[in-house]
Amino acid sequence: MFSVWKSSLTVVGFLLMTACSAANESAAPRASAPEPPHVNEGDDACGAARVQDRVGRDFDAAMGMALREESGAKTLRVMRPGEAHTLDYRTERLNVRLDDRDRISALECG
């Protein structure tokens, strides 16, 4: 009786493994992630080139308003070290990167 059960379990196990591997092979391939939009590095939609003379200066609220007005950027994003921020790229947004002393280290679109 034991050998009948053992044989039956072996056959059932074999059938299950075969069915699982066949299902895995017939699965539709996953679609790859879409390519990110191409951004021309020469674009300066946020006007960062107009305010590059401010790099190295101290940043405060008044400086932020002046940067936004003089650059013509639609929005301004202040990025401090260690802070989380989104990875979305917006050509009309001026990113103000600060160092640990709140000095402007970079001005760029994004």
PDB file of N, CA and C in Angstrom:
ATOM      1  N   MET A   1       0.824  -1.192   0.000  1.00  0.00           N
ATOM      2  CA  MET A   1       0.000   0.000   0.000  1.00  0.00           C
ATOM      3  C   MET A   1       0.871   1.259   0.000  1.00  0.00           C
ATOM      4  N   PHE A   2       1.949   1.237   0.794  1.00  0.00           N
ATOM      5  CA  PHE A   2       2.839   2.384   0.871  1.00  0.00           C
ATOM      6  C   PHE A   2       3.471   2.680  -0.480  1.00  0.00           C
ATOM      7  N   SER A   3       3.854   1.674  -1.207  1.00  0.00           N
ATOM      8  CA  SER A   3       4.496   1.888  -2.507  1.00  0.00           C
ATOM      9  C   SER A   3       3.514   2.474  -3.522  1.00  0.00           C
ATOM     10  N   VAL A   4       2.228   2.156  -3.415  1.00  0.00           N
ATOM     11  CA  VAL A   4       1.224   2.728  -4.311  1.00  0.00           C
ATOM     12  C   VAL A   4       1.097   4.231  -4.044  1.00  0.00           C
ATOM     13  N   TRP A   5       1.040   4.607  -2.764  1.00  0.00           N
ATOM     14  CA  TRP A   5       0.955   6.025  -2.400  1.00  0.00           C
ATOM     15  C   TRP A   5       2.212   6.766  -2.846  1.00  0.00           C
ATOM     16  N   LYS A   6       3.355   6.142  -2.635  1.00  0.00           N
ATOM     17  CA  LYS A   6       4.617   6.765  -3.006  1.00  0.00           C
ATOM     18  C   LYS A   6       4.667   6.989  -4.519  1.00  0.00           C
ATOM     19  N   SER A   7       4.251   6.016  -5.285  1.00  0.00           N
ATOM     20  CA  SER A   7       4.230   6.150  -6.744  1.00  0.00           C
ATOM     21  C   SER A   7       3.234   7.219  -7.174  1.00  0.00           C
ATOM     22  N   SER A   8       2.086   7.237  -6.528  1.00  0.00           N
ATOM     23  CA  SER A   8       1.055   8.229  -6.870  1.00  0.00           C
ATOM     24  C   SER A   8       1.542   9.644  -6.574  1.00  0.00           C
ATOM     25  N   LEU A   9       2.185   9.818  -5.416  1.00  0.00           N
ATOM     26  CA  LEU A   9       2.705  11.139  -5.054  1.00  0.00           C
ATOM     27  C   LEU A   9       3.813  11.577  -6.004  1.00  0.00           C
ATOM     28  N   THR A  10       4.629  10.646  -6.433  1.00  0.00           N
ATOM     29  CA  THR A  10       5.697  10.970  -7.373  1.00  0.00           C
ATOM     30  C   THR A  10       5.110  11.448  -8.693  1.00  0.00           C
ATOM     31  N   VAL A  11       4.085  10.746  -9.183  1.00  0.00           N
ATOM     32  CA  VAL A  11       3.442  11.123 -10.445  1.00  0.00           C
ATOM     33  C   VAL A  11       2.759  12.483 -10.309  1.00  0.00           C
ATOM     34  N   VAL A  12       2.050  12.689  -9.208  1.00  0.00           N
ATOM     35  CA  VAL A  12       1.360  13.967  -8.993  1.00  0.00           C
ATOM     36  C   VAL A  12       2.377  15.107  -8.903  1.00  0.00           C
ATOM     37  N   GLY A  13       3.458  14.887  -8.172  1.00  0.00           N
ATOM     38  CA  GLY A  13       4.505  15.909  -8.060  1.00  0.00           C
ATOM     39  C   GLY A  13       5.109  16.241  -9.406  1.00  0.00           C
ATOM     40  N   PHE A  14       5.366  15.216 -10.203  1.00  0.00           N
ATOM     41  CA  PHE A  14       5.929  15.427 -11.536  1.00  0.00           C
ATOM     42  C   PHE A  14       4.970  16.240 -12.404  1.00  0.00           C
ATOM     43  N   LEU A  15       3.682  15.897 -12.349  1.00  0.00           N
ATOM     44  CA  LEU A  15       2.687  16.616 -13.145  1.00  0.00           C
ATOM     45  C   LEU A  15       2.573  18.081 -12.711  1.00  0.00           C
ATOM     46  N   LEU A  16       2.614  18.328 -11.406  1.00  0.00           N
ATOM     47  CA  LEU A  16       2.535  19.703 -10.916  1.00  0.00           C
ATOM     48  C   LEU A  16       3.746  20.524 -11.357  1.00  0.00           C
ATOM     49  N   MET A  17       4.926  19.933 -11.262  1.00  0.00           N
ATOM     50  CA  MET A  17       6.140  20.649 -11.669  1.00  0.00           C
ATOM     51  C   MET A  17       6.119  20.935 -13.164  1.00  0.00           C
ATOM     52  N   THR A  18       5.642  19.982 -13.954  1.00  0.00           N
ATOM     53  CA  THR A  18       5.561  20.165 -15.399  1.00  0.00           C
ATOM     54  C   THR A  18       4.563  21.266 -15.740  1.00  0.00           C
ATOM     55  N   ALA A  19       3.420  21.246 -15.081  1.00  0.00           N
ATOM     56  CA  ALA A  19       2.389  22.255 -15.344  1.00  0.00           C
ATOM     57  C   ALA A  19       2.881  23.647 -14.963  1.00  0.00           C
ATOM     58  N   CYS A  20       3.566  23.760 -13.837  1.00  0.00           N
ATOM     59  CA  CYS A  20       4.067  25.069 -13.397  1.00  0.00           C
ATOM     60  C   CYS A  20       5.130  25.603 -14.340  1.00  0.00           C
ATOM     61  N   SER A  21       6.024  24.751 -14.783  1.00  0.00           N
ATOM     62  CA  SER A  21       7.074  25.232 -15.678  1.00  0.00           C
ATOM     63  C   SER A  21       6.503  25.597 -17.040  1.00  0.00           C
ATOM     64  N   ALA A  22       5.491  24.878 -17.499  1.00  0.00           N
ATOM     65  CA  ALA A  22       4.865  25.205 -18.781  1.00  0.00           C
ATOM     66  C   ALA A  22       4.120  26.528 -18.684  1.00  0.00           C
ATOM     67  N   ALA A  23       3.466  26.775 -17.559  1.00  0.00           N
ATOM     68  CA  ALA A  23       2.743  28.036 -17.381  1.00  0.00           C
ATOM     69  C   ALA A  23       3.718  29.200 -17.332  1.00  0.00           C
ATOM     70  N   ASN A  24       4.856  28.994 -16.728  1.00  0.00           N
ATOM     71  CA  ASN A  24       5.856  30.048 -16.614  1.00  0.00           C
ATOM     72  C   ASN A  24       6.437  30.400 -17.981  1.00  0.00           C
ATOM     73  N   GLU A  25       6.655  29.402 -18.827  1.00  0.00           N
ATOM     74  CA  GLU A  25       7.221  29.642 -20.153  1.00  0.00           C
ATOM     75  C   GLU A  25       6.238  30.343 -21.075  1.00  0.00           C
ATOM     76  N   SER A  26       4.939  30.091 -20.884  1.00  0.00           N
ATOM     77  CA  SER A  26       3.948  30.677 -21.778  1.00  0.00           C
ATOM     78  C   SER A  26       3.492  32.054 -21.323  1.00  0.00           C
ATOM     79  N   ALA A  27       3.963  32.518 -20.189  1.00  0.00           N
ATOM     80  CA  ALA A  27       3.553  33.836 -19.705  1.00  0.00           C
ATOM     81  C   ALA A  27       4.059  34.915 -20.660  1.00  0.00           C
ATOM     82  N   ALA A  28       3.229  35.910 -20.849  1.00  0.00           N
ATOM     83  CA  ALA A  28       3.609  37.005 -21.747  1.00  0.00           C
ATOM     84  C   ALA A  28       4.788  37.767 -21.152  1.00  0.00           C
ATOM     85  N   PRO A  29       5.719  38.179 -21.992  1.00  0.00           N
ATOM     86  CA  PRO A  29       6.855  38.939 -21.464  1.00  0.00           C
ATOM     87  C   PRO A  29       6.391  40.286 -20.917  1.00  0.00           C
ATOM     88  N   ARG A  30       7.060  40.744 -19.895  1.00  0.00           N
ATOM     89  CA  ARG A  30       6.696  42.020 -19.286  1.00  0.00           C
ATOM     90  C   ARG A  30       7.149  43.164 -20.183  1.00  0.00           C
ATOM     91  N   ALA A  31       6.311  44.165 -20.226  1.00  0.00           N
ATOM     92  CA  ALA A  31       6.674  45.353 -20.999  1.00  0.00           C
ATOM     93  C   ALA A  31       7.745  46.119 -20.240  1.00  0.00           C
ATOM     94  N   SER A  32       8.716  46.618 -20.966  1.00  0.00           N
ATOM     95  CA  SER A  32       9.768  47.385 -20.311  1.00  0.00           C
ATOM     96  C   SER A  32       9.255  48.789 -20.006  1.00  0.00           C
ATOM     97  N   ALA A  33       9.914  49.447 -19.090  1.00  0.00           N
ATOM     98  CA  ALA A  33       9.525  50.803 -18.717  1.00  0.00           C
ATOM     99  C   ALA A  33       9.731  51.736 -19.906  1.00  0.00           C
ATOM    100  N   PRO A  34       8.857  52.711 -20.059  1.00  0.00           N
ATOM    101  CA  PRO A  34       9.018  53.637 -21.177  1.00  0.00           C
ATOM    102  C   PRO A  34      10.281  54.481 -21.002  1.00  0.00           C
ATOM    103  N   GLU A  35      10.825  54.892 -22.117  1.00  0.00           N
ATOM    104  CA  GLU A  35      12.013  55.741 -22.091  1.00  0.00           C
ATOM    105  C   GLU A  35      11.650  57.100 -21.495  1.00  0.00           C
ATOM    106  N   PRO A  36      12.541  57.685 -20.691  1.00  0.00           N
ATOM    107  CA  PRO A  36      12.254  59.028 -20.174  1.00  0.00           C
ATOM    108  C   PRO A  36      12.263  60.036 -21.314  1.00  0.00           C
ATOM    109  N   PRO A  37      11.525  61.126 -21.161  1.00  0.00           N
ATOM    110  CA  PRO A  37      11.494  62.110 -22.241  1.00  0.00           C
ATOM    111  C   PRO A  37      12.872  62.713 -22.457  1.00  0.00           C
ATOM    112  N   HIS A  38      13.189  62.962 -23.724  1.00  0.00           N
ATOM    113  CA  HIS A  38      14.480  63.555 -24.051  1.00  0.00           C
ATOM    114  C   HIS A  38      14.427  65.056 -23.780  1.00  0.00           C
ATOM    115  N   VAL A  39      15.402  65.531 -23.050  1.00  0.00           N
ATOM    116  CA  VAL A  39      15.481  66.952 -22.738  1.00  0.00           C
ATOM    117  C   VAL A  39      16.765  67.490 -23.334  1.00  0.00           C
ATOM    118  N   ASN A  40      16.640  68.493 -24.137  1.00  0.00           N
ATOM    119  CA  ASN A  40      17.812  69.108 -24.750  1.00  0.00           C
ATOM    120  C   ASN A  40      18.554  69.912 -23.692  1.00  0.00           C
ATOM    121  N   GLU A  41      19.817  69.588 -23.473  1.00  0.00           N
ATOM    122  CA  GLU A  41      20.613  70.257 -22.447  1.00  0.00           C
ATOM    123  C   GLU A  41      20.763  71.752 -22.726  1.00  0.00           C
ATOM    124  N   GLY A  42      20.592  72.161 -23.973  1.00  0.00           N
ATOM    125  CA  GLY A  42      20.724  73.566 -24.311  1.00  0.00           C
ATOM    126  C   GLY A  42      19.505  74.395 -23.931  1.00  0.00           C
ATOM    127  N   ASP A  43      18.402  73.735 -23.608  1.00  0.00           N
ATOM    128  CA  ASP A  43      17.186  74.447 -23.230  1.00  0.00           C
ATOM    129  C   ASP A  43      17.388  75.148 -21.894  1.00  0.00           C
ATOM    130  N   ASP A  44      16.890  76.359 -21.808  1.00  0.00           N
ATOM    131  CA  ASP A  44      16.973  77.119 -20.563  1.00  0.00           C
ATOM    132  C   ASP A  44      15.614  77.747 -20.298  1.00  0.00           C
ATOM    133  N   ALA A  45      14.581  76.913 -20.315  1.00  0.00           N
ATOM    134  CA  ALA A  45      13.215  77.398 -20.151  1.00  0.00           C
ATOM    135  C   ALA A  45      12.993  78.063 -18.802  1.00  0.00           C
ATOM    136  N   CYS A  46      13.791  77.708 -17.799  1.00  0.00           N
ATOM    137  CA  CYS A  46      13.610  78.288 -16.467  1.00  0.00           C
ATOM    138  C   CYS A  46      14.453  79.541 -16.272  1.00  0.00           C
ATOM    139  N   GLY A  47      15.327  79.862 -17.209  1.00  0.00           N
ATOM    140  CA  GLY A  47      16.139  81.071 -17.107  1.00  0.00           C
ATOM    141  C   GLY A  47      17.317  80.969 -16.159  1.00  0.00           C
ATOM    142  N   ALA A  48      17.794  79.770 -15.898  1.00  0.00           N
ATOM    143  CA  ALA A  48      18.912  79.578 -14.964  1.00  0.00           C
ATOM    144  C   ALA A  48      20.162  80.334 -15.404  1.00  0.00           C
ATOM    145  N   ALA A  49      20.372  80.452 -16.700  1.00  0.00           N
ATOM    146  CA  ALA A  49      21.566  81.141 -17.202  1.00  0.00           C
ATOM    147  C   ALA A  49      21.574  82.618 -16.801  1.00  0.00           C
ATOM    148  N   ARG A  50      20.389  83.195 -16.644  1.00  0.00           N
ATOM    149  CA  ARG A  50      20.290  84.625 -16.308  1.00  0.00           C
ATOM    150  C   ARG A  50      20.668  84.944 -14.866  1.00  0.00           C
ATOM    151  N   VAL A  51      20.696  83.931 -13.996  1.00  0.00           N
ATOM    152  CA  VAL A  51      20.937  84.194 -12.567  1.00  0.00           C
ATOM    153  C   VAL A  51      22.156  83.451 -12.021  1.00  0.00           C
ATOM    154  N   GLN A  52      23.020  82.980 -12.897  1.00  0.00           N
ATOM    155  CA  GLN A  52      24.199  82.221 -12.450  1.00  0.00           C
ATOM    156  C   GLN A  52      25.145  83.049 -11.581  1.00  0.00           C
ATOM    157  N   ASP A  53      25.059  84.368 -11.660  1.00  0.00           N
ATOM    158  CA  ASP A  53      25.917  85.209 -10.827  1.00  0.00           C
ATOM    159  C   ASP A  53      25.581  85.108  -9.336  1.00  0.00           C
ATOM    160  N   ARG A  54      24.456  84.471  -9.006  1.00  0.00           N
ATOM    161  CA  ARG A  54      24.047  84.325  -7.598  1.00  0.00           C
ATOM    162  C   ARG A  54      24.660  83.099  -6.922  1.00  0.00           C
ATOM    163  N   VAL A  55      25.290  82.218  -7.679  1.00  0.00           N
ATOM    164  CA  VAL A  55      25.925  81.032  -7.086  1.00  0.00           C
ATOM    165  C   VAL A  55      27.008  81.493  -6.116  1.00  0.00           C
ATOM    166  N   GLY A  56      26.997  80.915  -4.916  1.00  0.00           N
ATOM    167  CA  GLY A  56      27.956  81.280  -3.874  1.00  0.00           C
ATOM    168  C   GLY A  56      27.400  82.259  -2.862  1.00  0.00           C
ATOM    169  N   ARG A  57      26.266  82.860  -3.161  1.00  0.00           N
ATOM    170  CA  ARG A  57      25.653  83.821  -2.235  1.00  0.00           C
ATOM    171  C   ARG A  57      24.746  83.111  -1.237  1.00  0.00           C
ATOM    172  N   ASP A  58      24.466  83.793  -0.127  1.00  0.00           N
ATOM    173  CA  ASP A  58      23.549  83.266   0.886  1.00  0.00           C
ATOM    174  C   ASP A  58      22.127  83.289   0.339  1.00  0.00           C
ATOM    175  N   PHE A  59      21.352  82.273   0.727  1.00  0.00           N
ATOM    176  CA  PHE A  59      19.970  82.166   0.263  1.00  0.00           C
ATOM    177  C   PHE A  59      19.022  82.494   1.404  1.00  0.00           C
ATOM    178  N   ASP A  60      17.997  83.285   1.099  1.00  0.00           N
ATOM    179  CA  ASP A  60      16.893  83.539   2.024  1.00  0.00           C
ATOM    180  C   ASP A  60      15.634  83.742   1.181  1.00  0.00           C
ATOM    181  N   ALA A  61      14.518  84.043   1.830  1.00  0.00           N
ATOM    182  CA  ALA A  61      13.250  84.178   1.112  1.00  0.00           C
ATOM    183  C   ALA A  61      13.309  85.293   0.070  1.00  0.00           C
ATOM    184  N   ALA A  62      13.935  86.406   0.408  1.00  0.00           N
ATOM    185  CA  ALA A  62      14.034  87.519  -0.539  1.00  0.00           C
ATOM    186  C   ALA A  62      14.856  87.116  -1.762  1.00  0.00           C
ATOM    187  N   MET A  63      15.931  86.366  -1.538  1.00  0.00           N
ATOM    188  CA  MET A  63      16.752  85.887  -2.653  1.00  0.00           C
ATOM    189  C   MET A  63      15.925  84.954  -3.536  1.00  0.00           C
ATOM    190  N   GLY A  64      15.112  84.106  -2.921  1.00  0.00           N
ATOM    191  CA  GLY A  64      14.260  83.197  -3.686  1.00  0.00           C
ATOM    192  C   GLY A  64      13.295  83.944  -4.591  1.00  0.00           C
ATOM    193  N   MET A  65      12.677  84.997  -4.053  1.00  0.00           N
ATOM    194  CA  MET A  65      11.751  85.799  -4.862  1.00  0.00           C
ATOM    195  C   MET A  65      12.487  86.484  -6.006  1.00  0.00           C
ATOM    196  N   ALA A  66      13.675  87.012  -5.714  1.00  0.00           N
ATOM    197  CA  ALA A  66      14.455  87.689  -6.752  1.00  0.00           C
ATOM    198  C   ALA A  66      14.880  86.709  -7.845  1.00  0.00           C
ATOM    199  N   LEU A  67      15.311  85.511  -7.451  1.00  0.00           N
ATOM    200  CA  LEU A  67      15.721  84.500  -8.435  1.00  0.00           C
ATOM    201  C   LEU A  67      14.567  84.136  -9.359  1.00  0.00           C
ATOM    202  N   ARG A  68      13.402  83.955  -8.779  1.00  0.00           N
ATOM    203  CA  ARG A  68      12.244  83.565  -9.573  1.00  0.00           C
ATOM    204  C   ARG A  68      11.849  84.671 -10.547  1.00  0.00           C
ATOM    205  N   GLU A  69      11.837  85.911 -10.061  1.00  0.00           N
ATOM    206  CA  GLU A  69      11.457  87.037 -10.920  1.00  0.00           C
ATOM    207  C   GLU A  69      12.481  87.269 -12.032  1.00  0.00           C
ATOM    208  N   GLU A  70      13.766  87.277 -11.672  1.00  0.00           N
ATOM    209  CA  GLU A  70      14.802  87.595 -12.656  1.00  0.00           C
ATOM    210  C   GLU A  70      15.021  86.480 -13.676  1.00  0.00           C
ATOM    211  N   SER A  71      14.816  85.249 -13.253  1.00  0.00           N
ATOM    212  CA  SER A  71      15.000  84.131 -14.185  1.00  0.00           C
ATOM    213  C   SER A  71      13.799  83.963 -15.104  1.00  0.00           C
ATOM    214  N   GLY A  72      12.619  84.344 -14.606  1.00  0.00           N
ATOM    215  CA  GLY A  72      11.394  84.132 -15.366  1.00  0.00           C
ATOM    216  C   GLY A  72      10.830  82.731 -15.193  1.00  0.00           C
ATOM    217  N   ALA A  73      11.363  81.974 -14.229  1.00  0.00           N
ATOM    218  CA  ALA A  73      10.889  80.610 -13.978  1.00  0.00           C
ATOM    219  C   ALA A  73       9.458  80.634 -13.455  1.00  0.00           C
ATOM    220  N   LYS A  74       8.671  79.637 -13.849  1.00  0.00           N
ATOM    221  CA  LYS A  74       7.303  79.536 -13.346  1.00  0.00           C
ATOM    222  C   LYS A  74       7.296  79.140 -11.878  1.00  0.00           C
ATOM    223  N   THR A  75       8.198  78.239 -11.506  1.00  0.00           N
ATOM    224  CA  THR A  75       8.277  77.789 -10.117  1.00  0.00           C
ATOM    225  C   THR A  75       9.727  77.714  -9.680  1.00  0.00           C
ATOM    226  N   LEU A  76       9.906  77.664  -8.370  1.00  0.00           N
ATOM    227  CA  LEU A  76      11.237  77.594  -7.781  1.00  0.00           C
ATOM    228  C   LEU A  76      11.241  76.454  -6.772  1.00  0.00           C
ATOM    229  N   ARG A  77      12.290  75.646  -6.792  1.00  0.00           N
ATOM    230  CA  ARG A  77      12.412  74.556  -5.817  1.00  0.00           C
ATOM    231  C   ARG A  77      13.764  74.683  -5.123  1.00  0.00           C
ATOM    232  N   VAL A  78      13.719  74.761  -3.799  1.00  0.00           N
ATOM    233  CA  VAL A  78      14.932  74.859  -2.991  1.00  0.00           C
ATOM    234  C   VAL A  78      15.307  73.454  -2.544  1.00  0.00           C
ATOM    235  N   MET A  79      16.563  73.075  -2.780  1.00  0.00           N
ATOM    236  CA  MET A  79      17.027  71.714  -2.492  1.00  0.00           C
ATOM    237  C   MET A  79      18.206  71.784  -1.521  1.00  0.00           C
ATOM    238  N   ARG A  80      17.944  71.350  -0.289  1.00  0.00           N
ATOM    239  CA  ARG A  80      18.989  71.346   0.731  1.00  0.00           C
ATOM    240  C   ARG A  80      19.600  69.950   0.835  1.00  0.00           C
ATOM    241  N   PRO A  81      20.856  69.859   1.292  1.00  0.00           N
ATOM    242  CA  PRO A  81      21.502  68.547   1.434  1.00  0.00           C
ATOM    243  C   PRO A  81      20.718  67.641   2.386  1.00  0.00           C
ATOM    244  N   GLY A  82      20.560  66.387   1.990  1.00  0.00           N
ATOM    245  CA  GLY A  82      19.883  65.404   2.831  1.00  0.00           C
ATOM    246  C   GLY A  82      18.373  65.410   2.739  1.00  0.00           C
ATOM    247  N   GLU A  83      17.788  66.374   2.062  1.00  0.00           N
ATOM    248  CA  GLU A  83      16.338  66.416   1.915  1.00  0.00           C
ATOM    249  C   GLU A  83      15.904  65.578   0.717  1.00  0.00           C
ATOM    250  N   ALA A  84      14.746  64.983   0.836  1.00  0.00           N
ATOM    251  CA  ALA A  84      14.185  64.208  -0.278  1.00  0.00           C
ATOM    252  C   ALA A  84      13.435  65.156  -1.211  1.00  0.00           C
ATOM    253  N   HIS A  85      13.483  64.857  -2.500  1.00  0.00           N
ATOM    254  CA  HIS A  85      12.708  65.609  -3.472  1.00  0.00           C
ATOM    255  C   HIS A  85      12.356  64.699  -4.638  1.00  0.00           C
ATOM    256  N   THR A  86      11.344  65.097  -5.365  1.00  0.00           N
ATOM    257  CA  THR A  86      10.861  64.274  -6.475  1.00  0.00           C
ATOM    258  C   THR A  86      11.867  64.272  -7.613  1.00  0.00           C
ATOM    259  N   LEU A  87      11.761  63.277  -8.467  1.00  0.00           N
ATOM    260  CA  LEU A  87      12.670  63.148  -9.600  1.00  0.00           C
ATOM    261  C   LEU A  87      12.047  63.622 -10.910  1.00  0.00           C
ATOM    262  N   ASP A  88      10.845  64.184 -10.831  1.00  0.00           N
ATOM    263  CA  ASP A  88      10.217  64.661 -12.064  1.00  0.00           C
ATOM    264  C   ASP A  88      10.977  65.872 -12.592  1.00  0.00           C
ATOM    265  N   TYR A  89      11.120  65.936 -13.901  1.00  0.00           N
ATOM    266  CA  TYR A  89      11.861  67.020 -14.540  1.00  0.00           C
ATOM    267  C   TYR A  89      10.875  68.017 -15.117  1.00  0.00           C
ATOM    268  N   ARG A  90      10.977  69.255 -14.682  1.00  0.00           N
ATOM    269  CA  ARG A  90      10.111  70.318 -15.191  1.00  0.00           C
ATOM    270  C   ARG A  90      10.988  71.431 -15.743  1.00  0.00           C
ATOM    271  N   THR A  91      10.919  71.623 -17.025  1.00  0.00           N
ATOM    272  CA  THR A  91      11.807  72.580 -17.685  1.00  0.00           C
ATOM    273  C   THR A  91      11.604  74.005 -17.191  1.00  0.00           C
ATOM    274  N   GLU A  92      10.390  74.333 -16.773  1.00  0.00           N
ATOM    275  CA  GLU A  92      10.092  75.705 -16.357  1.00  0.00           C
ATOM    276  C   GLU A  92      10.393  75.964 -14.877  1.00  0.00           C
ATOM    277  N   ARG A  93      10.916  74.965 -14.171  1.00  0.00           N
ATOM    278  CA  ARG A  93      11.199  75.109 -12.735  1.00  0.00           C
ATOM    279  C   ARG A  93      12.686  75.374 -12.514  1.00  0.00           C
ATOM    280  N   LEU A  94      12.994  76.354 -11.675  1.00  0.00           N
ATOM    281  CA  LEU A  94      14.372  76.660 -11.306  1.00  0.00           C
ATOM    282  C   LEU A  94      14.695  75.935 -10.007  1.00  0.00           C
ATOM    283  N   ASN A  95      15.686  75.052 -10.062  1.00  0.00           N
ATOM    284  CA  ASN A  95      16.157  74.357  -8.865  1.00  0.00           C
ATOM    285  C   ASN A  95      17.292  75.159  -8.252  1.00  0.00           C
ATOM    286  N   VAL A  96      17.159  75.455  -6.976  1.00  0.00           N
ATOM    287  CA  VAL A  96      18.194  76.171  -6.235  1.00  0.00           C
ATOM    288  C   VAL A  96      18.813  75.166  -5.277  1.00  0.00           C
ATOM    289  N   ARG A  97      20.017  74.728  -5.581  1.00  0.00           N
ATOM    290  CA  ARG A  97      20.719  73.778  -4.716  1.00  0.00           C
ATOM    291  C   ARG A  97      21.543  74.561  -3.703  1.00  0.00           C
ATOM    292  N   LEU A  98      21.369  74.187  -2.422  1.00  0.00           N
ATOM    293  CA  LEU A  98      22.061  74.871  -1.339  1.00  0.00           C
ATOM    294  C   LEU A  98      23.068  73.943  -0.682  1.00  0.00           C
ATOM    295  N   ASP A  99      24.097  74.530  -0.081  1.00  0.00           N
ATOM    296  CA  ASP A  99      25.028  73.726   0.711  1.00  0.00           C
ATOM    297  C   ASP A  99      24.534  73.703   2.157  1.00  0.00           C
ATOM    298  N   ASP A 100      25.327  73.144   3.055  1.00  0.00           N
ATOM    299  CA  ASP A 100      24.887  73.007   4.447  1.00  0.00           C
ATOM    300  C   ASP A 100      24.850  74.339   5.200  1.00  0.00           C
ATOM    301  N   ARG A 101      25.324  75.421   4.590  1.00  0.00           N
ATOM    302  CA  ARG A 101      25.263  76.755   5.210  1.00  0.00           C
ATOM    303  C   ARG A 101      24.242  77.659   4.522  1.00  0.00           C
ATOM    304  N   ASP A 102      23.365  77.069   3.734  1.00  0.00           N
ATOM    305  CA  ASP A 102      22.346  77.796   2.961  1.00  0.00           C
ATOM    306  C   ASP A 102      22.949  78.771   1.954  1.00  0.00           C
ATOM    307  N   ARG A 103      24.068  78.401   1.393  1.00  0.00           N
ATOM    308  CA  ARG A 103      24.646  79.161   0.283  1.00  0.00           C
ATOM    309  C   ARG A 103      24.264  78.452  -1.011  1.00  0.00           C
ATOM    310  N   ILE A 104      24.019  79.205  -2.043  1.00  0.00           N
ATOM    311  CA  ILE A 104      23.629  78.638  -3.329  1.00  0.00           C
ATOM    312  C   ILE A 104      24.840  77.948  -3.950  1.00  0.00           C
ATOM    313  N   SER A 105      24.689  76.642  -4.210  1.00  0.00           N
ATOM    314  CA  SER A 105      25.783  75.887  -4.831  1.00  0.00           C
ATOM    315  C   SER A 105      25.535  75.636  -6.315  1.00  0.00           C
ATOM    316  N   ALA A 106      24.278  75.687  -6.746  1.00  0.00           N
ATOM    317  CA  ALA A 106      23.957  75.490  -8.163  1.00  0.00           C
ATOM    318  C   ALA A 106      22.560  76.025  -8.452  1.00  0.00           C
ATOM    319  N   LEU A 107      22.389  76.503  -9.668  1.00  0.00           N
ATOM    320  CA  LEU A 107      21.092  76.951 -10.174  1.00  0.00           C
ATOM    321  C   LEU A 107      20.884  76.267 -11.514  1.00  0.00           C
ATOM    322  N   GLU A 108      19.791  75.500 -11.626  1.00  0.00           N
ATOM    323  CA  GLU A 108      19.566  74.725 -12.846  1.00  0.00           C
ATOM    324  C   GLU A 108      18.084  74.488 -13.064  1.00  0.00           C
ATOM    325  N   CYS A 109      17.733  74.226 -14.294  1.00  0.00           N
ATOM    326  CA  CYS A 109      16.344  73.898 -14.612  1.00  0.00           C
ATOM    327  C   CYS A 109      16.050  72.461 -14.200  1.00  0.00           C
ATOM    328  N   GLY A 110      14.822  72.210 -13.882  1.00  0.00           N
ATOM    329  CA  GLY A 110      14.428  70.846 -13.551  1.00  0.00           C
ATOM    330  C   GLY A 110      13.311  70.852 -12.610  1.00  0.00           C
TER     331      GLY A 110
END
